[in-house]
Amino acid sequence: MLSTLEKAGRVLRLFTAENPEWGVSQVARALNVSKGSAHDALATLTETGLVHRMVTGRYRLGFMIVSLHAVLMAQTPWRHVAQDEMEQLAARVQQTVTLSAFDGGNAICVAVTGTGPRAPHDTVGAHLPAYAAAAGKAMLAYRSAEQVQRVCGAGLSPFTPTTLTSADALTAELARTRRAGYAVEDEELLPGRGALAAPFRNANGEVIAAVTVSAPTAACRAAQDRWVPDLLACVKAISDRLGHQPGEGKDRLHWHLIDGEERLMRPPGLRREP
């Protein structure tokens, strides 16, 4: 069952705004599986409504995705809180501001605002690799060491000459991100594009998403010192509204690997005060 679910997940991740339709042979090549295996996975997804088979024999996402999206958004109340603060930030910096969540080693864009120029990946639903995108690094910096290792193990393919492609370089960058409280993206994902991102926390202290300011490289470099305080104030306001109370970190949840699964737990020996 797990193998079937993993295969289905890999197939679904192939569907993007740039590649909305796939044939059986294309899926087989992309996933390095047999055509029969690709067909079985697509057939299973078709039965559930997650993908739709067109008369041409090619596949696209099914409308069950819309239903699931509605359920997910209804269970993500922090999105509305973040949107309020993001709009104020966008008005101050006059650039594109995005909201991203972490999933499967990627930063998933869930909201966009602002009047600045937008890159192709500044769209809701865009999947950005955590090691190359500012939002991804801002969240990955607070995930478990095992999660970072999985991201590195999946391969750090270069998007531009400045993409971090070694585990040592990424680890050092994540440490810098934790110290500074924000991540920097300097043409690592897209030539001519820069970004600054910072995470925010819920009442349990869990990093649940990140806010990004993105702009043409020259503008981002020139304005970084001005934008960082506004960005940090934005995510602090979101965290405050979500009930996060900064302290010394003793009661904060941390990611741990338990039986091969990441779980949020308090450090051993620590209990919440009554």
Protein backbone atom coordinates (compact mmCIF):
# COMPACT_ATOMS: atom_id res chain seq x y z
CA MET A 1 0.00 0.00 0.00
CA LEU A 2 2.78 2.42 0.93
CA SER A 3 4.51 1.83 -2.39
CA THR A 4 1.26 2.55 -4.23
CA LEU A 5 0.72 5.78 -2.31
CA GLU A 6 4.29 6.90 -2.86
CA LYS A 7 3.97 6.24 -6.57
CA ALA A 8 0.68 8.14 -6.75
CA GLY A 9 2.26 11.07 -4.94
CA ARG A 10 5.16 11.17 -7.36
CA VAL A 11 2.75 11.17 -10.29
CA LEU A 12 0.66 14.02 -8.86
CA ARG A 13 3.78 16.14 -8.33
CA LEU A 14 4.46 16.02 -12.06
CA PHE A 15 1.43 18.20 -12.79
CA THR A 16 2.42 21.86 -12.79
CA ALA A 17 1.31 25.08 -14.46
CA GLU A 18 4.12 24.56 -16.99
CA ASN A 19 3.24 20.89 -17.58
CA PRO A 20 -0.50 20.46 -16.94
CA GLU A 21 -0.97 17.37 -19.15
CA TRP A 22 0.91 14.08 -19.21
CA GLY A 23 0.84 10.90 -21.26
CA VAL A 24 1.61 7.43 -19.93
CA SER A 25 4.97 7.24 -21.70
CA GLN A 26 5.97 10.67 -20.41
CA VAL A 27 5.12 9.71 -16.84
CA ALA A 28 7.08 6.48 -17.18
CA ARG A 29 10.16 8.34 -18.41
CA ALA A 30 9.90 11.09 -15.80
CA LEU A 31 9.62 8.61 -12.92
CA ASN A 32 11.91 5.99 -14.44
CA VAL A 33 9.27 3.25 -14.19
CA SER A 34 7.71 0.91 -16.72
CA LYS A 35 4.79 2.06 -18.88
CA GLY A 36 2.62 -0.57 -17.19
CA SER A 37 3.45 0.81 -13.75
CA ALA A 38 2.78 4.38 -14.90
CA HIS A 39 -0.55 3.33 -16.44
CA ASP A 40 -1.63 1.55 -13.23
CA ALA A 41 -0.82 4.61 -11.12
CA LEU A 42 -2.72 6.93 -13.48
CA ALA A 43 -5.67 4.53 -13.59
CA THR A 44 -5.85 4.47 -9.79
CA LEU A 45 -5.71 8.26 -9.60
CA THR A 46 -8.41 8.49 -12.28
CA GLU A 47 -10.73 6.25 -10.26
CA THR A 48 -10.37 8.54 -7.25
CA GLY A 49 -10.99 11.68 -9.31
CA LEU A 50 -7.56 13.12 -8.62
CA VAL A 51 -6.69 12.99 -12.31
CA HIS A 52 -8.87 12.96 -15.43
CA ARG A 53 -8.24 10.98 -18.62
CA MET A 54 -9.02 13.03 -21.71
CA VAL A 55 -10.27 11.65 -25.03
CA THR A 56 -6.73 12.07 -26.37
CA GLY A 57 -5.52 9.51 -23.84
CA ARG A 58 -3.54 12.11 -21.93
CA TYR A 59 -4.16 13.04 -18.30
CA ARG A 60 -4.72 16.25 -16.36
CA LEU A 61 -5.67 16.95 -12.75
CA GLY A 62 -9.23 16.06 -11.79
CA PHE A 63 -11.76 18.25 -10.05
CA MET A 64 -11.44 16.26 -6.83
CA ILE A 65 -8.33 18.41 -6.35
CA VAL A 66 -10.60 21.47 -6.12
CA SER A 67 -12.64 19.83 -3.38
CA LEU A 68 -9.56 18.85 -1.43
CA HIS A 69 -8.13 22.35 -1.88
CA ALA A 70 -11.29 23.84 -0.39
CA VAL A 71 -11.02 21.55 2.64
CA LEU A 72 -7.34 22.38 3.10
CA MET A 73 -7.89 26.14 2.89
CA ALA A 74 -10.79 25.90 5.35
CA GLN A 75 -8.42 24.19 7.79
CA THR A 76 -5.71 26.81 7.32
CA PRO A 77 -7.06 29.80 9.26
CA TRP A 78 -3.61 31.35 9.66
CA ARG A 79 -3.69 32.13 5.94
CA HIS A 80 -6.16 34.98 6.52
CA VAL A 81 -4.10 36.37 9.40
CA ALA A 82 -0.98 36.25 7.26
CA GLN A 83 -2.74 37.88 4.31
CA ASP A 84 -3.61 40.95 6.39
CA GLU A 85 -0.01 41.49 7.44
CA MET A 86 1.35 40.64 3.98
CA GLU A 87 -0.75 43.35 2.36
CA GLN A 88 0.65 45.92 4.78
CA LEU A 89 4.17 44.71 4.05
CA ALA A 90 3.57 44.86 0.28
CA ALA A 91 2.33 48.44 0.62
CA ARG A 92 5.54 49.41 2.44
CA VAL A 93 8.05 47.72 0.14
CA GLN A 94 6.06 48.08 -3.11
CA GLN A 95 7.11 44.60 -4.25
CA THR A 96 5.62 41.11 -4.62
CA VAL A 97 4.95 39.36 -1.30
CA THR A 98 4.15 35.65 -1.13
CA LEU A 99 3.08 33.18 1.55
CA SER A 100 4.49 29.66 1.42
CA ALA A 101 4.06 26.44 3.41
CA PHE A 102 6.51 23.54 3.62
CA ASP A 103 5.60 20.19 2.11
CA GLY A 104 7.64 17.28 0.85
CA GLY A 105 10.90 19.18 0.65
CA ASN A 106 9.31 22.06 -1.25
CA ALA A 107 7.93 25.50 -0.47
CA ILE A 108 4.34 25.62 -1.74
CA CYS A 109 2.99 29.09 -2.56
CA VAL A 110 -0.46 29.57 -1.00
CA ALA A 111 -1.01 33.33 -1.42
CA VAL A 112 0.41 36.25 -3.40
CA THR A 113 -0.07 39.99 -3.06
CA GLY A 114 1.68 43.24 -3.99
CA THR A 115 2.12 45.33 -7.10
CA GLY A 116 5.74 44.50 -7.88
CA PRO A 117 6.88 42.50 -10.90
CA ARG A 118 6.09 38.80 -10.59
CA ALA A 119 8.26 35.85 -11.57
CA PRO A 120 6.65 32.72 -13.06
CA HIS A 121 6.84 30.99 -9.69
CA ASP A 122 5.04 33.83 -7.88
CA THR A 123 1.72 32.02 -8.35
CA VAL A 124 -0.53 30.10 -5.96
CA GLY A 125 0.28 26.41 -6.11
CA ALA A 126 3.85 26.84 -7.32
CA HIS A 127 6.29 24.26 -5.92
CA LEU A 128 9.70 25.75 -5.15
CA PRO A 129 12.68 23.57 -4.11
CA ALA A 130 13.49 24.26 -0.48
CA TYR A 131 17.24 24.44 -1.07
CA ALA A 132 17.00 27.14 -3.74
CA ALA A 133 14.06 29.34 -2.72
CA ALA A 134 14.23 31.89 0.09
CA ALA A 135 10.93 30.64 1.57
CA GLY A 136 12.15 27.06 1.46
CA LYS A 137 15.40 27.87 3.23
CA ALA A 138 13.56 29.97 5.83
CA MET A 139 11.44 26.94 6.77
CA LEU A 140 13.99 24.17 6.17
CA ALA A 141 16.32 25.92 8.63
CA TYR A 142 13.92 24.91 11.42
CA ARG A 143 13.19 21.36 10.30
CA SER A 144 14.96 18.28 11.65
CA ALA A 145 18.45 17.32 10.55
CA GLU A 146 16.92 14.21 9.01
CA GLN A 147 14.65 16.33 6.81
CA VAL A 148 17.62 18.39 5.64
CA GLN A 149 19.47 15.16 4.85
CA ARG A 150 16.50 13.91 2.81
CA VAL A 151 16.45 17.13 0.80
CA CYS A 152 20.17 16.79 0.12
CA GLY A 153 19.81 13.09 -0.64
CA ALA A 154 17.15 13.82 -3.26
CA GLY A 155 19.75 15.85 -5.15
CA LEU A 156 20.60 19.55 -5.22
CA SER A 157 20.24 20.19 -8.92
CA PRO A 158 21.40 23.64 -10.07
CA PHE A 159 18.89 26.11 -11.48
CA THR A 160 21.48 28.84 -11.96
CA PRO A 161 25.24 29.14 -11.43
CA THR A 162 24.63 30.38 -7.87
CA THR A 163 22.32 27.55 -6.71
CA LEU A 164 23.67 25.79 -3.61
CA THR A 165 24.52 22.29 -4.81
CA SER A 166 26.47 20.78 -1.90
CA ALA A 167 25.16 19.58 1.45
CA ASP A 168 27.90 21.51 3.30
CA ALA A 169 27.00 24.78 1.57
CA LEU A 170 23.28 24.30 2.27
CA THR A 171 23.88 23.39 5.92
CA ALA A 172 25.99 26.50 6.40
CA GLU A 173 23.33 28.64 4.72
CA LEU A 174 20.60 27.22 6.96
CA ALA A 175 22.71 27.99 10.04
CA ARG A 176 23.15 31.57 8.81
CA THR A 177 19.39 31.78 8.26
CA ARG A 178 18.68 30.70 11.84
CA ARG A 179 21.13 33.26 13.23
CA ALA A 180 19.74 36.10 11.13
CA GLY A 181 16.07 35.11 11.36
CA TYR A 182 15.59 35.37 7.60
CA ALA A 183 16.79 33.71 4.38
CA VAL A 184 18.32 35.30 1.30
CA GLU A 185 17.86 34.13 -2.28
CA ASP A 186 20.27 35.77 -4.73
CA GLU A 187 19.55 34.43 -8.22
CA GLU A 188 19.69 30.86 -6.90
CA LEU A 189 16.36 29.90 -8.43
CA LEU A 190 15.92 32.34 -11.30
CA PRO A 191 18.42 34.66 -13.03
CA GLY A 192 17.69 38.30 -12.32
CA ARG A 193 15.54 37.50 -9.30
CA GLY A 194 16.24 38.01 -5.60
CA ALA A 195 14.17 37.37 -2.49
CA LEU A 196 14.11 37.66 1.29
CA ALA A 197 11.99 35.33 3.42
CA ALA A 198 11.27 34.85 7.11
CA PRO A 199 9.20 32.22 8.94
CA PHE A 200 6.41 32.64 11.43
CA ARG A 201 5.22 30.41 14.26
CA ASN A 202 1.96 29.24 15.77
CA ALA A 203 1.06 29.16 19.46
CA ASN A 204 3.11 25.97 19.96
CA GLY A 205 6.23 27.61 18.57
CA GLU A 206 6.11 25.52 15.38
CA VAL A 207 7.35 27.19 12.20
CA ILE A 208 4.34 26.74 9.92
CA ALA A 209 4.97 29.02 6.95
CA ALA A 210 7.11 31.83 5.57
CA VAL A 211 6.59 35.25 4.03
CA THR A 212 8.75 36.29 1.08
CA VAL A 213 9.53 39.63 -0.52
CA SER A 214 10.80 39.12 -4.07
CA ALA A 215 12.08 41.60 -6.62
CA PRO A 216 14.57 42.03 -9.47
CA THR A 217 18.08 41.27 -8.20
CA ALA A 218 19.40 44.84 -8.29
CA ALA A 219 16.42 46.18 -6.33
CA CYS A 220 16.58 43.37 -3.79
CA ARG A 221 20.29 43.86 -3.12
CA ALA A 222 19.97 47.64 -2.84
CA ALA A 223 16.96 47.55 -0.52
CA GLN A 224 17.79 44.52 1.63
CA ASP A 225 18.77 46.54 4.69
CA ARG A 226 15.51 48.53 4.45
CA TRP A 227 13.23 45.58 3.74
CA VAL A 228 14.52 43.14 6.35
CA PRO A 229 13.15 45.09 9.37
CA ASP A 230 9.75 45.36 7.65
CA LEU A 231 9.78 41.64 6.80
CA LEU A 232 10.71 40.62 10.34
CA ALA A 233 8.05 42.93 11.78
CA CYS A 234 5.50 41.31 9.46
CA VAL A 235 6.21 37.72 10.54
CA LYS A 236 6.39 38.77 14.20
CA ALA A 237 2.96 40.36 13.89
CA ILE A 238 1.59 37.15 12.35
CA SER A 239 3.17 35.00 15.07
CA ASP A 240 1.80 37.31 17.77
CA ARG A 241 -1.70 37.13 16.31
CA LEU A 242 -1.45 33.34 16.22
CA GLY A 243 -0.66 33.25 19.92
CA HIS A 244 3.08 32.65 19.82
CA GLN A 245 4.86 33.89 22.95
CA PRO A 246 8.62 34.09 22.45
CA GLY A 247 10.71 32.98 25.37
CA GLU A 248 13.89 31.08 25.96
CA GLY A 249 12.62 28.20 23.87
CA LYS A 250 12.17 25.76 26.77
CA ASP A 251 8.55 25.08 25.96
CA ARG A 252 8.96 25.17 22.20
CA LEU A 253 8.15 22.17 20.03
CA HIS A 254 11.00 20.74 17.98
CA TRP A 255 11.08 18.33 15.04
CA HIS A 256 12.29 14.82 15.95
CA LEU A 257 12.57 11.65 13.87
CA ILE A 258 10.56 8.88 15.55
CA ASP A 259 10.40 5.49 13.82
CA GLY A 260 11.24 7.13 10.52
CA GLU A 261 8.51 9.77 10.86
CA GLU A 262 8.97 13.45 11.72
CA ARG A 263 6.99 14.53 14.77
CA LEU A 264 6.78 17.74 16.76
CA MET A 265 7.75 17.11 20.38
CA ARG A 266 9.15 18.95 23.34
CA PRO A 267 12.74 18.16 24.26
CA PRO A 268 13.04 15.17 26.64
CA GLY A 269 12.48 15.99 30.28
CA LEU A 270 10.53 19.20 29.61
CA ARG A 271 6.85 19.58 30.39
CA ARG A 272 4.42 22.39 29.85
CA GLU A 273 3.82 24.34 33.02
CA PRO A 274 0.24 23.96 34.34
